[in-house]
Amino acid sequence: MANRFGQVMLARLRFALAYPQPLPLLALLLLCAAAFLHLHRIPQHEQAAEAAERRGAAAERALRRLAGEQRQVDDSPAAGRARLLGRYPEELALNATLAQLLDLAQRHGLDPLTGDYRLTVAKEGPLMQYVLTLPLKGDYPSLRRFLAALRSEHPGVAIDDLALRRDALGGTALDTQLRLIVFARREQG
C-alpha cells in the first residue's frame, strides 16, 4: 500500500513538472515571500519602531524637565501678583497716563473737550481708580479706531460707559460721552 501511495505521488509530481499550473506556483511564491517578510523584515521594523519610541520618550522627559525648571524660576503667588500689578501705571505716573489718553484721542481725529476727573479710593487693595469722563467730538470710524487703540495701548484702562449722540440725522459728526476708569497702583509707603 505504501508503495502504491509513493507511485501515485511520484506520478503527480512528474505531471506537475511537465504541465506547470500558474496559480499554485504563484501561491507558493507568495507563501515564500510572506515567510521572508515575517521572519526577516518585520523584526527589523519592530526594532526600529521601539528605538524611535525610546527616543521620543526621552525627548518628552527632557522637555517636561525643562518646562518644570522654567516654571520653578518664579511661579510664586507674590511673583504672579507683581506681574499682574506691573500692568498698571504707578500713582505718580497717572497724570502722564491721562495726558497720553487725551493725545491718543487727538491722534485718532477726535476733539476732546474739557473732561471731568474723579478719584475713587478704596479702603484696601493695591489699586486706585480714577474715573475720567471725556466728551469727544468726531466721526464714528475715528471713535472705533480710538477705542481699539485704547484697549491695546492701555490695558489698565476700562471703558465704563459710552453714550453717542448725533445732532443731524444725516450728519457724520458724533457727540460722545466716554467714561473711563483708569486703574493705578498705590504707592507703597
Protein backbone atom coordinates (compact mmCIF):
# COMPACT_ATOMS: atom_id res chain seq x y z
CA MET A 1 0.00 0.00 0.00
CA ALA A 2 2.79 2.43 0.87
CA ASN A 3 4.44 1.50 -2.37
CA ARG A 4 1.31 2.36 -4.30
CA PHE A 5 0.99 5.71 -2.49
CA GLY A 6 4.60 6.57 -3.39
CA GLN A 7 3.99 5.70 -7.01
CA VAL A 8 0.88 7.91 -7.17
CA MET A 9 2.73 10.83 -5.63
CA LEU A 10 5.65 10.39 -7.98
CA ALA A 11 3.29 10.38 -10.96
CA ARG A 12 1.59 13.54 -9.75
CA LEU A 13 4.94 15.26 -9.27
CA ARG A 14 6.04 14.34 -12.81
CA PHE A 15 2.75 15.58 -14.18
CA ALA A 16 3.08 18.89 -12.25
CA LEU A 17 6.59 19.39 -13.58
CA ALA A 18 5.59 18.54 -17.12
CA TYR A 19 2.49 20.74 -17.08
CA PRO A 20 3.10 23.59 -14.62
CA GLN A 21 -0.01 25.40 -13.30
CA PRO A 22 0.47 29.18 -12.71
CA LEU A 23 -1.87 29.57 -9.73
CA PRO A 24 -0.28 27.01 -7.41
CA LEU A 25 3.17 28.30 -8.41
CA LEU A 26 2.08 31.86 -7.63
CA ALA A 27 0.63 30.72 -4.29
CA LEU A 28 3.93 29.04 -3.42
CA LEU A 29 5.89 32.21 -4.30
CA LEU A 30 3.53 34.37 -2.18
CA LEU A 31 3.91 31.95 0.71
CA CYS A 32 7.70 32.16 0.49
CA ALA A 33 7.59 35.97 0.30
CA ALA A 34 5.28 36.15 3.35
CA ALA A 35 7.58 33.85 5.32
CA PHE A 36 10.60 36.00 4.38
CA LEU A 37 8.84 39.19 5.46
CA HIS A 38 7.60 37.65 8.67
CA LEU A 39 10.92 36.15 9.67
CA HIS A 40 13.36 38.84 8.49
CA ARG A 41 11.87 42.26 7.64
CA ILE A 42 9.18 42.70 10.30
CA PRO A 43 11.54 42.17 13.26
CA GLN A 44 13.87 44.83 11.85
CA HIS A 45 11.00 47.32 11.57
CA GLU A 46 9.78 46.45 15.07
CA GLN A 47 13.25 47.13 16.48
CA ALA A 48 13.41 50.47 14.64
CA ALA A 49 9.95 51.42 15.95
CA GLU A 50 10.93 50.54 19.52
CA ALA A 51 14.11 52.63 19.21
CA ALA A 52 12.07 55.57 17.90
CA GLU A 53 9.63 55.24 20.80
CA ARG A 54 12.51 55.25 23.28
CA ARG A 55 13.98 58.38 21.67
CA GLY A 56 10.55 60.07 21.72
CA ALA A 57 10.02 59.21 25.38
CA ALA A 58 13.48 60.57 26.25
CA ALA A 59 12.77 63.80 24.36
CA GLU A 60 9.42 64.17 26.12
CA ARG A 61 11.05 63.67 29.54
CA ALA A 62 13.69 66.27 28.68
CA LEU A 63 11.00 68.73 27.56
CA ARG A 64 8.99 68.22 30.74
CA ARG A 65 12.12 68.68 32.82
CA LEU A 66 12.91 71.97 31.04
CA ALA A 67 9.31 73.17 31.42
CA GLY A 68 9.44 72.31 35.12
CA GLU A 69 12.68 74.25 35.54
CA GLN A 70 11.16 77.26 33.78
CA ARG A 71 8.07 77.12 35.96
CA GLN A 72 10.15 76.86 39.13
CA VAL A 73 12.06 80.01 38.28
CA ASP A 74 9.36 82.37 39.52
CA ASP A 75 5.96 80.78 39.99
CA SER A 76 5.20 82.06 43.48
CA PRO A 77 1.99 83.94 44.29
CA ALA A 78 3.98 87.06 45.13
CA ALA A 79 5.67 86.99 41.70
CA GLY A 80 2.30 86.48 39.99
CA ARG A 81 0.85 89.43 41.91
CA ALA A 82 3.84 91.58 40.95
CA ARG A 83 3.40 90.64 37.26
CA LEU A 84 -0.32 91.50 37.44
CA LEU A 85 0.21 94.83 39.16
CA GLY A 86 3.02 95.67 36.73
CA ARG A 87 0.36 96.13 34.01
CA TYR A 88 -1.00 99.23 35.76
CA PRO A 89 0.70 102.63 35.98
CA GLU A 90 2.00 103.90 39.28
CA GLU A 91 0.11 106.63 41.10
CA LEU A 92 2.84 109.14 40.29
CA ALA A 93 2.58 108.38 36.56
CA LEU A 94 -1.18 108.87 36.49
CA ASN A 95 -1.03 112.41 35.10
CA ALA A 96 1.18 111.19 32.26
CA THR A 97 -1.31 108.39 31.55
CA LEU A 98 -4.18 110.89 31.41
CA ALA A 99 -2.18 113.08 29.01
CA GLN A 100 -1.48 110.02 26.83
CA LEU A 101 -5.22 109.26 26.69
CA LEU A 102 -6.02 112.80 25.54
CA ASP A 103 -3.20 112.68 22.99
CA LEU A 104 -4.45 109.32 21.71
CA ALA A 105 -7.92 110.78 21.16
CA GLN A 106 -6.47 113.72 19.21
CA ARG A 107 -4.28 111.43 17.08
CA HIS A 108 -7.39 109.49 16.02
CA GLY A 109 -9.24 112.61 14.88
CA LEU A 110 -11.36 113.18 17.98
CA ASP A 111 -11.64 116.53 19.70
CA PRO A 112 -11.52 116.00 23.47
CA LEU A 113 -13.34 118.80 25.21
CA THR A 114 -12.89 119.52 28.90
CA GLY A 115 -13.04 116.36 30.93
CA ASP A 116 -14.17 115.50 34.42
CA TYR A 117 -11.70 113.65 36.67
CA ARG A 118 -12.71 111.98 39.89
CA LEU A 119 -10.61 109.85 42.23
CA THR A 120 -12.30 106.84 43.79
CA VAL A 121 -10.30 105.47 46.67
CA ALA A 122 -10.98 102.04 48.08
CA LYS A 123 -10.09 101.46 51.72
CA GLU A 124 -8.00 98.41 50.94
CA GLY A 125 -6.32 96.89 47.97
CA PRO A 126 -3.36 97.63 45.77
CA LEU A 127 -5.25 99.63 43.10
CA MET A 128 -6.75 103.10 42.93
CA GLN A 129 -9.40 104.18 40.44
CA TYR A 130 -9.62 107.44 38.56
CA VAL A 131 -12.94 107.94 36.81
CA LEU A 132 -12.44 110.05 33.71
CA THR A 133 -15.40 111.39 31.75
CA LEU A 134 -14.42 112.65 28.31
CA PRO A 135 -16.77 114.48 25.97
CA LEU A 136 -15.47 113.80 22.44
CA LYS A 137 -16.42 115.16 19.04
CA GLY A 138 -15.68 113.23 15.85
CA ASP A 139 -16.99 110.66 13.42
CA TYR A 140 -17.80 107.01 14.12
CA PRO A 141 -14.78 105.38 12.36
CA SER A 142 -12.40 107.66 14.30
CA LEU A 143 -14.12 106.71 17.55
CA ARG A 144 -13.79 102.99 16.78
CA ARG A 145 -10.08 103.37 15.94
CA PHE A 146 -9.55 105.33 19.15
CA LEU A 147 -11.28 102.66 21.27
CA ALA A 148 -9.28 99.86 19.63
CA ALA A 149 -6.02 101.73 20.23
CA LEU A 150 -7.10 102.48 23.81
CA ARG A 151 -7.65 98.80 24.55
CA SER A 152 -4.33 97.72 23.05
CA GLU A 153 -2.08 100.52 24.35
CA HIS A 154 -3.58 100.97 27.83
CA PRO A 155 -4.55 97.64 29.43
CA GLY A 156 -5.05 99.36 32.79
CA VAL A 157 -7.96 101.42 31.46
CA ALA A 158 -11.52 100.13 31.47
CA ILE A 159 -14.38 101.52 29.37
CA ASP A 160 -17.21 102.08 31.83
CA ASP A 161 -19.81 103.89 29.75
CA LEU A 162 -20.22 105.17 26.21
CA ALA A 163 -23.04 107.44 25.05
CA LEU A 164 -23.37 108.53 21.42
CA ARG A 165 -25.49 111.38 20.08
CA ARG A 166 -25.85 112.75 16.57
CA ASP A 167 -27.23 116.25 16.06
CA ALA A 168 -28.43 115.84 12.48
CA LEU A 169 -29.95 112.68 11.08
CA GLY A 170 -27.68 112.56 8.00
CA GLY A 171 -24.60 114.04 9.68
CA THR A 172 -21.42 112.16 10.41
CA ALA A 173 -20.33 114.13 13.49
CA LEU A 174 -20.96 112.47 16.83
CA ASP A 175 -21.09 113.91 20.30
CA THR A 176 -19.70 111.19 22.55
CA GLN A 177 -19.61 110.90 26.31
CA LEU A 178 -16.97 108.34 27.24
CA ARG A 179 -16.43 107.32 30.84
CA LEU A 180 -13.16 105.54 31.52
CA ILE A 181 -11.79 104.03 34.69
CA VAL A 182 -8.04 104.34 34.93
CA PHE A 183 -6.55 101.91 37.43
CA ALA A 184 -3.27 102.82 39.11
CA ARG A 185 -1.01 101.14 41.66
CA ARG A 186 -0.94 102.67 45.10
CA GLU A 187 2.29 104.00 46.45
CA GLN A 188 3.77 101.56 48.92
CA GLY A 189 4.66 103.51 51.97
